[in-house]
Amino acid sequence: MNDIASNQQYFDQMFDRQDLSSTEIRESVFEECEFSDCDLSATILTRCKFVDCTFKRCNLSLMVISQSRFSTAEFIECKLVGVDWTRAHWPSFDLEPGLAFRSCILNDSSFFGLTLHGLQLQDCRLHDVDFREGNFSGSAMRDCEFNNSVFMRTDLSKVDFSGSTDFTIDVLVNRITKARFSRVEALILLDSLGIELVD
């Protein structure tokens, strides 16, 4: 088992069942690393860098990612409740950071104002998530639950919402050009237009 500490560089390492809850890690670099069944809840990651990393079945709820950078990171069956993704470092030249979430819980999180082209959300629970002012064009948000999540002045053009449910998207204040929706769920979009459907 490898210990994780500040001011270190880790390459192609496996971290298994580590408990780092409520600790702080500063200015460490992780490249091609895998985290499995780790507890990073309420962990403070300050100016860390994650490149081509995978997180499996980890608890990252309330994690603080102060100026940390994620480039091609995949989260599988992870719990990420209450994470403010706006606090991470998103370089303007890295238009596709390659964030992917599969079968994750991201409730009460914030992506406010972020530009994340190609964001991948598959079979995730996203209740009360803030997507306002963001640009997620070209992303895939398939088979997800969006209960009470907020979209306002959000660029959702060419986003694939196939199989997703419980979203409230006002077509008058969001951009949804060429977005894809399941046929039944697409009818919800008409609510913002005040249209009444009859048989």
Protein backbone atom coordinates (compact mmCIF):
# COMPACT_ATOMS: atom_id res chain seq x y z
CA MET A 1 0.00 0.00 0.00
CA ASN A 2 1.31 3.44 -0.91
CA ASP A 3 0.92 6.40 1.39
CA ILE A 4 -0.21 9.71 -0.05
CA ALA A 5 1.56 12.86 1.08
CA SER A 6 2.01 16.47 0.04
CA ASN A 7 4.66 17.68 -2.41
CA GLN A 8 5.09 14.27 -4.03
CA GLN A 9 4.89 12.86 -7.55
CA TYR A 10 3.14 9.55 -8.16
CA PHE A 11 3.19 7.70 -11.46
CA ASP A 12 1.27 4.52 -12.33
CA GLN A 13 0.47 3.67 -8.72
CA MET A 14 -2.48 1.94 -7.10
CA PHE A 15 -4.02 3.35 -3.91
CA ASP A 16 -6.37 0.90 -2.22
CA ARG A 17 -8.65 1.48 0.79
CA GLN A 18 -6.78 4.54 2.01
CA ASP A 19 -8.48 6.76 4.58
CA LEU A 20 -7.56 10.36 3.88
CA SER A 21 -10.78 11.92 5.16
CA SER A 22 -10.43 15.46 6.49
CA THR A 23 -6.73 15.65 5.68
CA GLU A 24 -4.92 18.11 3.39
CA ILE A 25 -2.70 17.21 0.45
CA ARG A 26 -0.79 20.04 -1.17
CA GLU A 27 0.95 20.30 -4.56
CA SER A 28 1.19 16.59 -5.34
CA VAL A 29 1.01 15.20 -8.88
CA PHE A 30 -0.78 11.95 -9.72
CA GLU A 31 -0.32 10.54 -13.21
CA GLU A 32 -1.93 7.31 -14.45
CA CYS A 33 -2.89 6.37 -10.89
CA GLU A 34 -5.88 4.37 -9.68
CA PHE A 35 -7.75 4.96 -6.43
CA SER A 36 -9.96 2.08 -5.26
CA ASP A 37 -12.31 2.11 -2.24
CA CYS A 38 -10.57 5.15 -0.76
CA ASP A 39 -12.14 7.65 1.65
CA LEU A 40 -11.34 11.19 0.53
CA SER A 41 -14.40 12.76 2.14
CA ALA A 42 -13.77 16.34 3.27
CA THR A 43 -10.18 16.03 2.05
CA ILE A 44 -8.57 19.31 0.99
CA LEU A 45 -6.61 19.01 -2.26
CA THR A 46 -4.62 22.21 -2.78
CA ARG A 47 -2.88 22.78 -6.14
CA CYS A 48 -2.71 19.05 -6.86
CA LYS A 49 -2.76 17.62 -10.38
CA PHE A 50 -4.51 14.47 -11.59
CA VAL A 51 -3.65 13.24 -15.09
CA ASP A 52 -5.18 10.06 -16.57
CA CYS A 53 -6.39 8.93 -13.15
CA THR A 54 -9.26 6.59 -12.23
CA PHE A 55 -11.32 6.58 -9.03
CA LYS A 56 -13.36 3.45 -8.26
CA ARG A 57 -15.93 3.17 -5.45
CA CYS A 58 -14.37 6.11 -3.60
CA ASN A 59 -16.08 8.50 -1.20
CA LEU A 60 -15.13 12.03 -2.27
CA SER A 61 -18.05 13.85 -0.69
CA LEU A 62 -17.34 17.41 0.49
CA MET A 63 -13.87 17.17 -1.04
CA VAL A 64 -12.30 20.62 -1.49
CA ILE A 65 -10.34 20.92 -4.73
CA SER A 66 -8.66 24.29 -4.26
CA GLN A 67 -6.84 25.15 -7.52
CA SER A 68 -6.33 21.46 -8.26
CA ARG A 69 -6.39 20.30 -11.87
CA PHE A 70 -8.08 17.27 -13.41
CA SER A 71 -7.08 16.16 -16.89
CA THR A 72 -8.67 12.95 -18.17
CA ALA A 73 -10.07 11.71 -14.86
CA GLU A 74 -12.69 8.97 -14.57
CA PHE A 75 -14.92 8.34 -11.57
CA ILE A 76 -16.71 4.98 -11.36
CA GLU A 77 -19.34 4.20 -8.69
CA CYS A 78 -18.08 7.09 -6.54
CA LYS A 79 -19.89 9.32 -4.09
CA LEU A 80 -19.16 13.00 -4.77
CA VAL A 81 -21.82 14.84 -2.79
CA GLY A 82 -21.34 18.55 -2.18
CA VAL A 83 -18.26 19.07 -4.36
CA ASP A 84 -17.71 22.60 -5.69
CA TRP A 85 -15.99 21.94 -9.03
CA THR A 86 -15.64 25.67 -9.65
CA ARG A 87 -12.77 25.76 -7.14
CA ALA A 88 -10.56 23.58 -9.33
CA HIS A 89 -8.10 25.00 -11.85
CA TRP A 90 -9.52 24.86 -15.39
CA PRO A 91 -6.94 26.22 -17.89
CA SER A 92 -8.51 28.10 -20.77
CA PHE A 93 -6.43 26.16 -23.30
CA ASP A 94 -7.69 22.80 -22.02
CA LEU A 95 -11.17 22.90 -23.55
CA GLU A 96 -11.80 19.18 -23.04
CA PRO A 97 -10.45 18.13 -19.63
CA GLY A 98 -11.91 14.66 -20.11
CA LEU A 99 -14.02 14.37 -16.96
CA ALA A 100 -16.11 11.18 -16.88
CA PHE A 101 -18.54 10.05 -14.18
CA ARG A 102 -20.13 6.60 -14.38
CA SER A 103 -22.74 5.38 -11.88
CA CYS A 104 -21.83 8.16 -9.45
CA ILE A 105 -23.76 10.28 -6.95
CA LEU A 106 -23.04 14.00 -7.47
CA ASN A 107 -25.88 15.55 -5.47
CA ASP A 108 -25.54 19.15 -4.20
CA SER A 109 -22.53 19.86 -6.41
CA SER A 110 -21.70 22.96 -8.44
CA PHE A 111 -20.49 23.33 -12.03
CA PHE A 112 -21.53 27.00 -12.11
CA GLY A 113 -19.98 28.95 -14.98
CA LEU A 114 -17.60 26.19 -16.07
CA THR A 115 -16.72 25.36 -19.65
CA LEU A 116 -16.54 21.56 -19.82
CA HIS A 117 -16.97 20.41 -23.40
CA GLY A 118 -17.24 16.66 -23.62
CA LEU A 119 -18.25 16.10 -19.98
CA GLN A 120 -19.35 12.46 -19.62
CA LEU A 121 -22.16 11.61 -17.20
CA GLN A 122 -23.53 8.07 -17.43
CA ASP A 123 -26.14 6.59 -15.07
CA CYS A 124 -25.49 9.22 -12.40
CA ARG A 125 -27.64 10.85 -9.74
CA LEU A 126 -27.41 14.65 -9.94
CA HIS A 127 -29.98 16.07 -7.53
CA ASP A 128 -29.76 19.81 -6.72
CA VAL A 129 -26.72 20.40 -8.97
CA ASP A 130 -25.91 23.90 -10.26
CA PHE A 131 -25.20 24.04 -14.00
CA ARG A 132 -26.03 27.76 -14.40
CA GLU A 133 -23.98 29.90 -16.81
CA GLY A 134 -21.94 26.86 -17.89
CA ASN A 135 -20.95 25.61 -21.32
CA PHE A 136 -21.32 21.85 -21.65
CA SER A 137 -21.81 21.66 -25.41
CA GLY A 138 -21.01 18.29 -26.90
CA SER A 139 -21.31 16.49 -23.56
CA ALA A 140 -23.06 13.20 -22.85
CA MET A 141 -25.46 13.15 -19.88
CA ARG A 142 -27.18 9.81 -20.45
CA ASP A 143 -29.45 7.83 -18.11
CA CYS A 144 -29.07 10.38 -15.31
CA GLU A 145 -31.48 11.81 -12.72
CA PHE A 146 -31.54 15.63 -12.55
CA ASN A 147 -34.05 16.27 -9.76
CA ASN A 148 -34.06 19.98 -8.80
CA SER A 149 -30.87 20.68 -10.76
CA VAL A 150 -30.61 24.21 -12.13
CA PHE A 151 -29.95 25.18 -15.75
CA MET A 152 -29.97 28.89 -16.59
CA ARG A 153 -28.13 30.55 -19.47
CA THR A 154 -26.45 27.18 -19.92
CA ASP A 155 -25.06 26.02 -23.27
CA LEU A 156 -26.40 22.49 -23.76
CA SER A 157 -26.06 22.40 -27.53
CA LYS A 158 -25.38 18.92 -28.90
CA VAL A 159 -25.67 17.41 -25.40
CA ASP A 160 -26.98 13.83 -25.37
CA PHE A 161 -29.64 13.53 -22.63
CA SER A 162 -30.85 10.10 -23.83
CA GLY A 163 -32.53 8.17 -21.03
CA SER A 164 -32.16 11.02 -18.52
CA THR A 165 -35.11 12.09 -16.36
CA ASP A 166 -36.44 14.70 -13.95
CA PHE A 167 -34.74 17.71 -15.54
CA THR A 168 -36.23 21.19 -15.75
CA ILE A 169 -34.72 23.08 -18.68
CA ASP A 170 -36.28 26.33 -19.86
CA VAL A 171 -35.77 26.42 -23.63
CA LEU A 172 -36.06 30.21 -23.59
CA VAL A 173 -33.05 30.82 -21.33
CA ASN A 174 -30.84 27.87 -22.24
CA ARG A 175 -29.21 26.86 -25.50
CA ILE A 176 -30.28 23.36 -26.55
CA THR A 177 -29.60 23.37 -30.31
CA LYS A 178 -29.20 19.80 -31.59
CA ALA A 179 -29.42 18.36 -28.07
CA ARG A 180 -30.83 14.81 -27.87
CA PHE A 181 -33.65 13.78 -25.53
CA SER A 182 -35.72 10.65 -25.10
CA ARG A 183 -39.07 11.22 -26.79
CA VAL A 184 -41.21 11.12 -23.63
CA GLU A 185 -38.86 13.28 -21.58
CA ALA A 186 -38.61 15.84 -24.39
CA LEU A 187 -42.25 16.76 -23.73
CA ILE A 188 -41.14 18.29 -20.42
CA LEU A 189 -39.33 20.97 -22.40
CA LEU A 190 -42.71 22.29 -23.53
CA ASP A 191 -43.59 23.25 -19.95
CA SER A 192 -41.40 26.35 -20.20
CA LEU A 193 -43.40 27.47 -23.27
CA GLY A 194 -46.74 27.22 -21.54
CA ILE A 195 -48.01 24.78 -24.16
CA GLU A 196 -50.91 22.48 -23.31
CA LEU A 197 -50.94 19.11 -25.02
CA VAL A 198 -54.23 17.39 -25.83
CA ASP A 199 -54.99 13.99 -27.35
